[in-house]
Amino acid sequence: MTTAVMRITQINLSNKRDVRDFLAVPFYIYRDIPQWVPPLAGDARLVLDRNRFPFYQHSEAAFFIARQNGTHLGRICVMDNRRFNDFRGENTAFFYLFETVDDASVADALFAEASQWARARRLDILMGPHGFTPMDGNGLLVNGFEHRPAFGQPYNPEYYVSLVERQGFTMNRETLSGYLSADTIFDERIHELAARVQKRRGLHVARYRTRKELRALLPHLKDLYNGSLGDAGTNVPLTDEEVDSLGEQLLWIADPRLIKVVMKGDGPVGFILAYPDISAAIQKVRGKLLPFGVIPALLEKKRTDWMNFNGAGLIEKYRGLGGTAILFSEMYKSATETGQFKHAEVVQNPEHIVHGFRSMPSTDSGACRPL
């Protein structure tokens, strides 16, 4: 590194060059790391658009970049999620999109700017990495660096762990990903218990064949999510605008066969969200679906033998008395009944959820420190 002065600047979201520079940083950081999967270019650009991204209807964020000699050395986002703080009665700031070269001075400077921005808004805790929406992969990867991440899940170089700890962050909680093979011997008693619970409680599992059928489910997504996961961890209830945005993200990648909804009569009370892992295609097109990346992504969707489970939950009143057995039973069926998939990753779950699955990457899903 030269002796030229490193500068940390807050980018202007109305300046196309600033936005382009911010989005380019990870491509420099991960240029020699084959496991990294780029974000989808459209989604990455959307979070920098104050006019289109629903988050800015209720909250605020700032984006900083470290530059030296024309090279982009790192970046960070810091946000004041007012819906979270109002809902939780807290004054917490979140950091996200943190990327840096292996240089403590760059990380120090980025976190200093993020902390100053947060303190100016009277926020007293900094936590992260934490995204804007439930579809964002949260946390810092702390082991399993040799694995390619599931689509949409966090990946970072191993040196990030020490750089973040150097800032005074301590682990908030740890989540694990688990591996499920089509050859896994599954305890038949779980299927039997799931069947008994469904019969006793008047539940059934809805299955879907087409995107049109899935789209009809979207109006129920808000109540279903808010009732099952919305108060868990650092999640907060979704707004209508956020549900619409998340629904569109879900529909383009979804395989209807892998979406399961637990119903009580005509009302949804639980869900399992899984999708084909198209990470290999996203790597090939460097995250750019348009104009030509859609075709490789759709082909990968049809031929991949990996799938990802990225969400499962039941409304609270149905969680006890064996209700969770329904979710485990349907997970196994999703992984095996189509004949396409040989491998499944159950991502970012508490340890007791993935107990019995082979261990996969471990993620610190929220490091925090006082400001």
Protein backbone atom coordinates (compact mmCIF):
# COMPACT_ATOMS: atom_id res chain seq x y z
CA MET A 1 0.00 0.00 0.00
CA THR A 2 1.33 3.46 -0.87
CA THR A 3 1.66 6.37 1.49
CA ALA A 4 -1.16 8.27 -0.22
CA VAL A 5 -3.91 9.36 2.15
CA MET A 6 -6.88 7.05 2.45
CA ARG A 7 -10.22 8.86 2.38
CA ILE A 8 -13.58 7.74 3.74
CA THR A 9 -16.48 9.45 2.01
CA GLN A 10 -20.24 9.13 2.26
CA ILE A 11 -21.55 8.39 -1.20
CA ASN A 12 -24.23 10.47 -2.85
CA LEU A 13 -27.02 8.10 -3.87
CA SER A 14 -28.00 10.49 -6.65
CA ASN A 15 -24.53 10.24 -8.18
CA LYS A 16 -24.29 7.30 -10.59
CA ARG A 17 -20.51 7.10 -10.30
CA ASP A 18 -20.67 6.94 -6.49
CA VAL A 19 -23.26 4.16 -6.67
CA ARG A 20 -21.21 2.27 -9.26
CA ASP A 21 -18.06 2.55 -7.11
CA PHE A 22 -19.88 1.27 -4.01
CA LEU A 23 -21.30 -1.71 -5.89
CA ALA A 24 -17.89 -2.53 -7.38
CA VAL A 25 -16.04 -2.98 -4.06
CA PRO A 26 -16.87 -6.67 -3.44
CA PHE A 27 -15.78 -7.61 -6.96
CA TYR A 28 -12.32 -6.31 -6.04
CA ILE A 29 -12.27 -7.97 -2.61
CA TYR A 30 -13.39 -11.42 -3.85
CA ARG A 31 -11.63 -11.47 -7.21
CA ASP A 32 -9.50 -14.48 -6.15
CA ILE A 33 -12.07 -16.26 -3.95
CA PRO A 34 -13.91 -18.93 -5.98
CA GLN A 35 -16.56 -19.61 -3.30
CA TRP A 36 -18.04 -16.10 -3.45
CA VAL A 37 -21.42 -15.64 -5.13
CA PRO A 38 -22.13 -12.07 -6.31
CA PRO A 39 -25.40 -10.44 -5.32
CA LEU A 40 -27.99 -10.02 -8.03
CA ALA A 41 -27.12 -6.73 -9.68
CA GLY A 42 -30.70 -5.46 -9.71
CA ASP A 43 -31.26 -6.21 -6.02
CA ALA A 44 -27.91 -4.67 -5.03
CA ARG A 45 -28.70 -1.49 -6.94
CA LEU A 46 -32.25 -1.30 -5.55
CA VAL A 47 -31.14 -0.80 -1.93
CA LEU A 48 -29.31 2.35 -3.05
CA ASP A 49 -32.45 3.83 -4.61
CA ARG A 50 -34.29 6.03 -2.14
CA ASN A 51 -37.25 6.44 -4.48
CA ARG A 52 -37.94 2.74 -5.09
CA PHE A 53 -36.76 0.76 -2.08
CA PRO A 54 -39.52 0.42 0.59
CA PHE A 55 -37.05 0.70 3.50
CA TYR A 56 -36.69 4.45 2.94
CA GLN A 57 -40.39 5.03 3.49
CA HIS A 58 -39.81 4.64 7.22
CA SER A 59 -36.04 4.58 7.86
CA GLU A 60 -32.66 5.99 6.94
CA ALA A 61 -29.29 4.64 5.82
CA ALA A 62 -25.86 5.96 4.85
CA PHE A 63 -23.17 4.37 2.68
CA PHE A 64 -19.43 4.96 3.06
CA ILE A 65 -16.53 3.97 0.84
CA ALA A 66 -12.76 3.91 1.47
CA ARG A 67 -10.59 5.10 -1.41
CA GLN A 68 -6.85 5.44 -1.95
CA ASN A 69 -4.98 6.16 -5.18
CA GLY A 70 -8.12 5.49 -7.18
CA THR A 71 -8.56 2.04 -5.58
CA HIS A 72 -11.69 1.19 -3.62
CA LEU A 73 -10.44 -0.51 -0.44
CA GLY A 74 -13.68 -1.04 1.46
CA ARG A 75 -17.22 0.01 2.15
CA ILE A 76 -19.92 -0.08 4.83
CA CYS A 77 -23.60 0.75 5.20
CA VAL A 78 -25.13 1.92 8.47
CA MET A 79 -28.86 2.18 9.02
CA ASP A 80 -31.37 3.57 11.46
CA ASN A 81 -34.25 1.12 11.12
CA ARG A 82 -36.94 3.11 12.86
CA ARG A 83 -39.56 0.39 12.56
CA PHE A 84 -37.22 -1.96 14.42
CA ASN A 85 -36.44 0.58 17.13
CA ASP A 86 -40.08 1.61 17.58
CA PHE A 87 -41.20 -2.03 17.70
CA ARG A 88 -38.42 -3.10 20.09
CA GLY A 89 -38.16 0.06 22.15
CA GLU A 90 -34.44 0.28 21.35
CA ASN A 91 -31.95 2.72 19.86
CA THR A 92 -30.00 0.30 17.70
CA ALA A 93 -28.06 0.99 14.52
CA PHE A 94 -27.24 -1.80 12.07
CA PHE A 95 -24.22 -2.13 9.85
CA TYR A 96 -24.36 -4.05 6.60
CA LEU A 97 -22.56 -4.48 3.25
CA PHE A 98 -19.22 -4.33 5.05
CA GLU A 99 -16.33 -5.25 2.78
CA THR A 100 -12.64 -4.49 3.14
CA VAL A 101 -9.15 -5.48 2.12
CA ASP A 102 -7.12 -7.20 4.82
CA ASP A 103 -6.03 -3.96 6.48
CA ALA A 104 -7.08 -3.03 9.99
CA SER A 105 -6.70 0.70 9.31
CA VAL A 106 -9.35 0.53 6.58
CA ALA A 107 -11.79 -1.36 8.82
CA ASP A 108 -11.10 1.03 11.70
CA ALA A 109 -11.84 4.05 9.53
CA LEU A 110 -15.04 2.60 8.07
CA PHE A 111 -16.45 1.66 11.46
CA ALA A 112 -15.47 5.06 12.87
CA GLU A 113 -17.54 6.81 10.20
CA ALA A 114 -20.47 4.44 10.66
CA SER A 115 -20.36 4.90 14.44
CA GLN A 116 -20.23 8.68 14.17
CA TRP A 117 -23.26 8.68 11.86
CA ALA A 118 -25.19 6.47 14.31
CA ARG A 119 -24.25 8.48 17.41
CA ALA A 120 -25.41 11.67 15.69
CA ARG A 121 -28.85 10.06 15.58
CA ARG A 122 -28.70 9.15 19.29
CA LEU A 123 -28.38 5.44 18.60
CA ASP A 124 -26.47 3.63 21.33
CA ILE A 125 -25.88 0.08 19.99
CA LEU A 126 -24.29 -0.99 16.71
CA MET A 127 -25.21 -4.47 15.51
CA GLY A 128 -24.60 -6.46 12.36
CA PRO A 129 -24.06 -7.46 9.71
CA HIS A 130 -27.83 -7.11 9.39
CA GLY A 131 -29.72 -6.53 6.16
CA PHE A 132 -32.67 -4.43 5.13
CA THR A 133 -35.18 -7.26 4.69
CA PRO A 134 -35.78 -10.85 5.85
CA MET A 135 -34.54 -12.05 2.44
CA ASP A 136 -31.08 -10.61 3.14
CA GLY A 137 -28.44 -12.95 4.49
CA ASN A 138 -27.49 -11.69 7.93
CA GLY A 139 -24.39 -12.31 9.98
CA LEU A 140 -20.69 -12.92 9.61
CA LEU A 141 -19.38 -16.28 8.46
CA VAL A 142 -17.10 -17.65 11.20
CA ASN A 143 -16.35 -21.12 9.84
CA GLY A 144 -17.05 -23.17 6.74
CA PHE A 145 -15.12 -20.85 4.41
CA GLU A 146 -14.39 -23.74 2.05
CA HIS A 147 -18.08 -24.02 1.11
CA ARG A 148 -19.86 -21.98 -1.53
CA PRO A 149 -22.71 -20.24 0.29
CA ALA A 150 -26.34 -20.99 -0.38
CA PHE A 151 -27.89 -18.44 -2.70
CA GLY A 152 -28.44 -15.17 -0.85
CA GLN A 153 -26.49 -16.22 2.25
CA PRO A 154 -23.48 -14.35 3.65
CA TYR A 155 -19.93 -15.17 2.72
CA ASN A 156 -16.80 -13.29 3.76
CA PRO A 157 -13.06 -13.86 3.96
CA GLU A 158 -11.86 -15.40 7.21
CA TYR A 159 -9.90 -12.27 8.17
CA TYR A 160 -13.18 -10.35 8.58
CA VAL A 161 -13.73 -12.12 11.90
CA SER A 162 -10.63 -10.61 13.55
CA LEU A 163 -11.25 -7.20 11.97
CA VAL A 164 -14.78 -7.06 13.37
CA GLU A 165 -13.71 -8.37 16.78
CA ARG A 166 -11.01 -5.68 16.81
CA GLN A 167 -13.81 -3.10 16.79
CA GLY A 168 -15.07 -4.42 20.14
CA PHE A 169 -17.96 -6.48 18.77
CA THR A 170 -19.05 -9.60 20.61
CA MET A 171 -21.20 -12.40 19.26
CA ASN A 172 -24.90 -11.90 19.80
CA ARG A 173 -25.97 -15.39 18.77
CA GLU A 174 -24.74 -18.16 16.51
CA THR A 175 -26.66 -19.89 13.78
CA LEU A 176 -25.79 -23.01 11.83
CA SER A 177 -26.55 -24.40 8.43
CA GLY A 178 -27.28 -28.09 8.17
CA TYR A 179 -26.87 -30.55 5.31
CA LEU A 180 -29.60 -32.98 4.28
CA SER A 181 -28.92 -35.66 1.66
CA ALA A 182 -31.52 -37.46 -0.39
CA ASP A 183 -29.93 -40.62 1.03
CA THR A 184 -30.39 -39.51 4.63
CA ILE A 185 -32.22 -42.10 6.72
CA PHE A 186 -35.19 -40.18 8.09
CA ASP A 187 -37.04 -41.36 11.18
CA GLU A 188 -40.45 -42.55 9.98
CA ARG A 189 -41.91 -41.69 13.38
CA ILE A 190 -41.64 -38.00 12.44
CA HIS A 191 -43.87 -38.55 9.40
CA GLU A 192 -46.30 -40.53 11.56
CA LEU A 193 -46.40 -37.81 14.22
CA ALA A 194 -46.91 -35.14 11.56
CA ALA A 195 -49.87 -37.06 10.13
CA ARG A 196 -51.45 -37.48 13.57
CA VAL A 197 -51.02 -33.81 14.42
CA GLN A 198 -52.57 -32.72 11.14
CA LYS A 199 -55.57 -34.97 11.69
CA ARG A 200 -56.02 -34.01 15.35
CA ARG A 201 -55.70 -30.25 14.78
CA GLY A 202 -57.52 -30.06 11.46
CA LEU A 203 -54.46 -29.02 9.47
CA HIS A 204 -53.38 -29.82 5.95
CA VAL A 205 -50.41 -28.94 3.76
CA ALA A 206 -51.13 -26.92 0.63
CA ARG A 207 -49.00 -27.64 -2.42
CA TYR A 208 -48.49 -25.53 -5.49
CA ARG A 209 -47.87 -26.30 -9.16
CA THR A 210 -47.68 -22.93 -10.89
CA ARG A 211 -46.44 -19.39 -10.32
CA LYS A 212 -50.04 -18.22 -10.68
CA GLU A 213 -51.01 -20.30 -7.66
CA LEU A 214 -48.05 -18.90 -5.72
CA ARG A 215 -48.98 -15.35 -6.62
CA ALA A 216 -52.42 -15.91 -5.11
CA LEU A 217 -50.63 -16.73 -1.84
CA LEU A 218 -48.82 -13.38 -1.66
CA PRO A 219 -51.67 -11.42 -0.02
CA HIS A 220 -51.44 -13.86 2.90
CA LEU A 221 -47.65 -13.62 3.17
CA LYS A 222 -47.66 -10.61 5.48
CA ASP A 223 -49.90 -12.14 8.15
CA LEU A 224 -48.19 -15.50 7.82
CA TYR A 225 -44.69 -14.08 8.24
CA ASN A 226 -45.63 -11.63 10.99
CA GLY A 227 -47.46 -14.35 12.91
CA SER A 228 -44.72 -16.97 12.66
CA LEU A 229 -41.34 -15.22 12.46
CA GLY A 230 -41.96 -11.51 12.67
CA ASP A 231 -41.11 -11.26 16.35
CA ALA A 232 -38.13 -13.64 16.30
CA GLY A 233 -34.53 -12.52 16.67
CA THR A 234 -34.09 -9.12 15.04
CA ASN A 235 -37.10 -9.45 12.75
CA VAL A 236 -39.97 -6.99 12.88
CA PRO A 237 -43.41 -7.13 11.26
CA LEU A 238 -43.41 -6.48 7.52
CA THR A 239 -45.25 -3.65 5.80
CA ASP A 240 -47.45 -4.12 2.73
CA GLU A 241 -44.80 -2.51 0.52
CA GLU A 242 -42.08 -4.80 1.88
CA VAL A 243 -44.26 -7.86 1.29
CA ASP A 244 -44.83 -6.80 -2.32
CA SER A 245 -41.10 -6.35 -2.87
CA LEU A 246 -40.19 -9.65 -1.19
CA GLY A 247 -42.92 -11.44 -3.09
CA GLU A 248 -41.47 -10.39 -6.43
CA GLN A 249 -38.02 -11.58 -5.31
CA LEU A 250 -39.49 -14.91 -4.27
CA LEU A 251 -41.54 -15.54 -7.40
CA TRP A 252 -38.77 -15.33 -9.96
CA ILE A 253 -36.61 -17.96 -8.24
CA ALA A 254 -39.38 -20.12 -6.79
CA ASP A 255 -40.06 -23.70 -7.78
CA PRO A 256 -43.74 -24.12 -6.81
CA ARG A 257 -43.11 -27.75 -5.82
CA LEU A 258 -40.83 -26.58 -2.99
CA ILE A 259 -43.20 -24.10 -1.35
CA LYS A 260 -45.38 -25.66 1.34
CA VAL A 261 -48.02 -23.87 3.39
CA VAL A 262 -49.67 -25.38 6.46
CA MET A 263 -53.38 -24.54 6.39
CA LYS A 264 -56.15 -24.48 8.96
CA GLY A 265 -59.24 -24.49 6.81
CA ASP A 266 -58.68 -21.75 4.24
CA GLY A 267 -56.18 -19.85 6.39
CA PRO A 268 -52.38 -20.31 6.33
CA VAL A 269 -50.77 -20.97 9.73
CA GLY A 270 -47.27 -22.08 8.72
CA PHE A 271 -44.88 -22.31 5.82
CA ILE A 272 -41.73 -23.86 4.40
CA LEU A 273 -39.73 -21.84 1.91
CA ALA A 274 -37.23 -23.68 -0.26
CA TYR A 275 -35.81 -23.02 -3.69
CA PRO A 276 -33.31 -24.46 -6.18
CA ASP A 277 -29.75 -23.26 -5.60
CA ILE A 278 -28.72 -21.32 -8.70
CA SER A 279 -25.48 -19.98 -7.21
CA ALA A 280 -23.33 -21.56 -9.91
CA ALA A 281 -25.17 -19.63 -12.63
CA ILE A 282 -25.04 -16.37 -10.67
CA GLN A 283 -21.27 -16.78 -10.40
CA LYS A 284 -20.96 -17.26 -14.16
CA VAL A 285 -22.94 -14.12 -15.03
CA ARG A 286 -21.38 -12.09 -12.18
CA GLY A 287 -24.80 -11.32 -10.74
CA LYS A 288 -26.15 -9.72 -13.93
CA LEU A 289 -29.41 -11.33 -15.00
CA LEU A 290 -30.07 -8.74 -17.71
CA PRO A 291 -29.88 -8.86 -20.59
CA PHE A 292 -28.45 -12.37 -21.03
CA GLY A 293 -28.02 -13.80 -17.53
CA VAL A 294 -31.63 -14.96 -17.18
CA ILE A 295 -31.12 -17.91 -19.51
CA PRO A 296 -28.20 -19.47 -17.56
CA ALA A 297 -30.13 -18.90 -14.31
CA LEU A 298 -33.26 -20.66 -15.62
CA LEU A 299 -31.20 -23.55 -16.98
CA GLU A 300 -29.41 -23.92 -13.64
CA LYS A 301 -32.75 -23.89 -11.86
CA LYS A 302 -33.82 -26.94 -13.86
CA ARG A 303 -30.60 -28.93 -13.59
CA THR A 304 -29.15 -28.12 -10.15
CA ASP A 305 -29.22 -30.99 -7.66
CA TRP A 306 -28.90 -28.59 -4.69
CA MET A 307 -31.78 -26.89 -2.92
CA ASN A 308 -31.87 -24.43 -0.05
CA PHE A 309 -34.33 -24.20 2.82
CA ASN A 310 -34.42 -20.54 3.77
CA GLY A 311 -37.43 -20.25 6.02
CA ALA A 312 -39.89 -22.29 8.03
CA GLY A 313 -42.30 -21.30 10.73
CA LEU A 314 -45.65 -21.80 12.40
CA ILE A 315 -47.95 -19.29 14.01
CA GLU A 316 -47.30 -19.53 17.74
CA LYS A 317 -50.49 -21.34 18.77
CA TYR A 318 -49.61 -24.27 16.47
CA ARG A 319 -45.96 -24.70 17.45
CA GLY A 320 -46.47 -27.02 20.38
CA LEU A 321 -48.01 -30.47 20.56
CA GLY A 322 -46.01 -31.80 17.62
CA GLY A 323 -46.61 -28.99 15.15
CA THR A 324 -42.91 -28.70 14.36
CA ALA A 325 -42.94 -32.33 13.19
CA ILE A 326 -45.04 -31.19 10.24
CA LEU A 327 -42.27 -28.82 9.16
CA PHE A 328 -39.54 -31.47 9.46
CA SER A 329 -41.65 -34.02 7.62
CA GLU A 330 -42.39 -31.64 4.76
CA MET A 331 -38.73 -30.54 4.56
CA TYR A 332 -37.68 -34.13 3.96
CA LYS A 333 -40.43 -34.67 1.39
CA SER A 334 -39.41 -31.51 -0.48
CA ALA A 335 -35.81 -32.70 -0.59
CA THR A 336 -36.65 -36.14 -1.95
CA GLU A 337 -39.97 -36.36 -3.75
CA THR A 338 -39.16 -34.39 -6.93
CA GLY A 339 -36.25 -36.65 -7.86
CA GLN A 340 -34.19 -33.62 -8.94
CA PHE A 341 -32.34 -32.85 -5.73
CA LYS A 342 -29.62 -34.86 -4.05
CA HIS A 343 -28.47 -32.23 -1.57
CA ALA A 344 -30.21 -29.66 0.61
CA GLU A 345 -28.89 -26.95 2.88
CA VAL A 346 -30.99 -25.76 5.81
CA VAL A 347 -29.62 -22.25 6.28
CA GLN A 348 -29.05 -20.04 9.31
CA ASN A 349 -30.98 -21.82 12.04
CA PRO A 350 -30.51 -22.15 15.80
CA GLU A 351 -28.45 -25.20 16.75
CA HIS A 352 -31.43 -27.23 18.00
CA ILE A 353 -33.17 -26.86 14.63
CA VAL A 354 -30.31 -28.39 12.63
CA HIS A 355 -29.51 -31.03 15.23
CA GLY A 356 -29.34 -34.31 13.38
CA PHE A 357 -28.28 -32.71 10.10
CA ARG A 358 -24.62 -32.78 9.09
CA SER A 359 -22.98 -29.48 10.05
CA MET A 360 -22.41 -26.84 7.39
CA PRO A 361 -21.14 -23.25 7.74
CA SER A 362 -21.58 -21.47 11.03
CA THR A 363 -22.63 -17.83 11.10
CA ASP A 364 -22.40 -15.20 13.79
CA SER A 365 -25.84 -13.80 13.09
CA GLY A 366 -25.40 -10.53 14.92
CA ALA A 367 -22.32 -9.11 16.55
CA CYS A 368 -22.97 -6.03 18.66
CA ARG A 369 -21.23 -3.33 20.68
CA PRO A 370 -22.15 -0.12 22.52
CA LEU A 371 -21.65 3.12 20.65
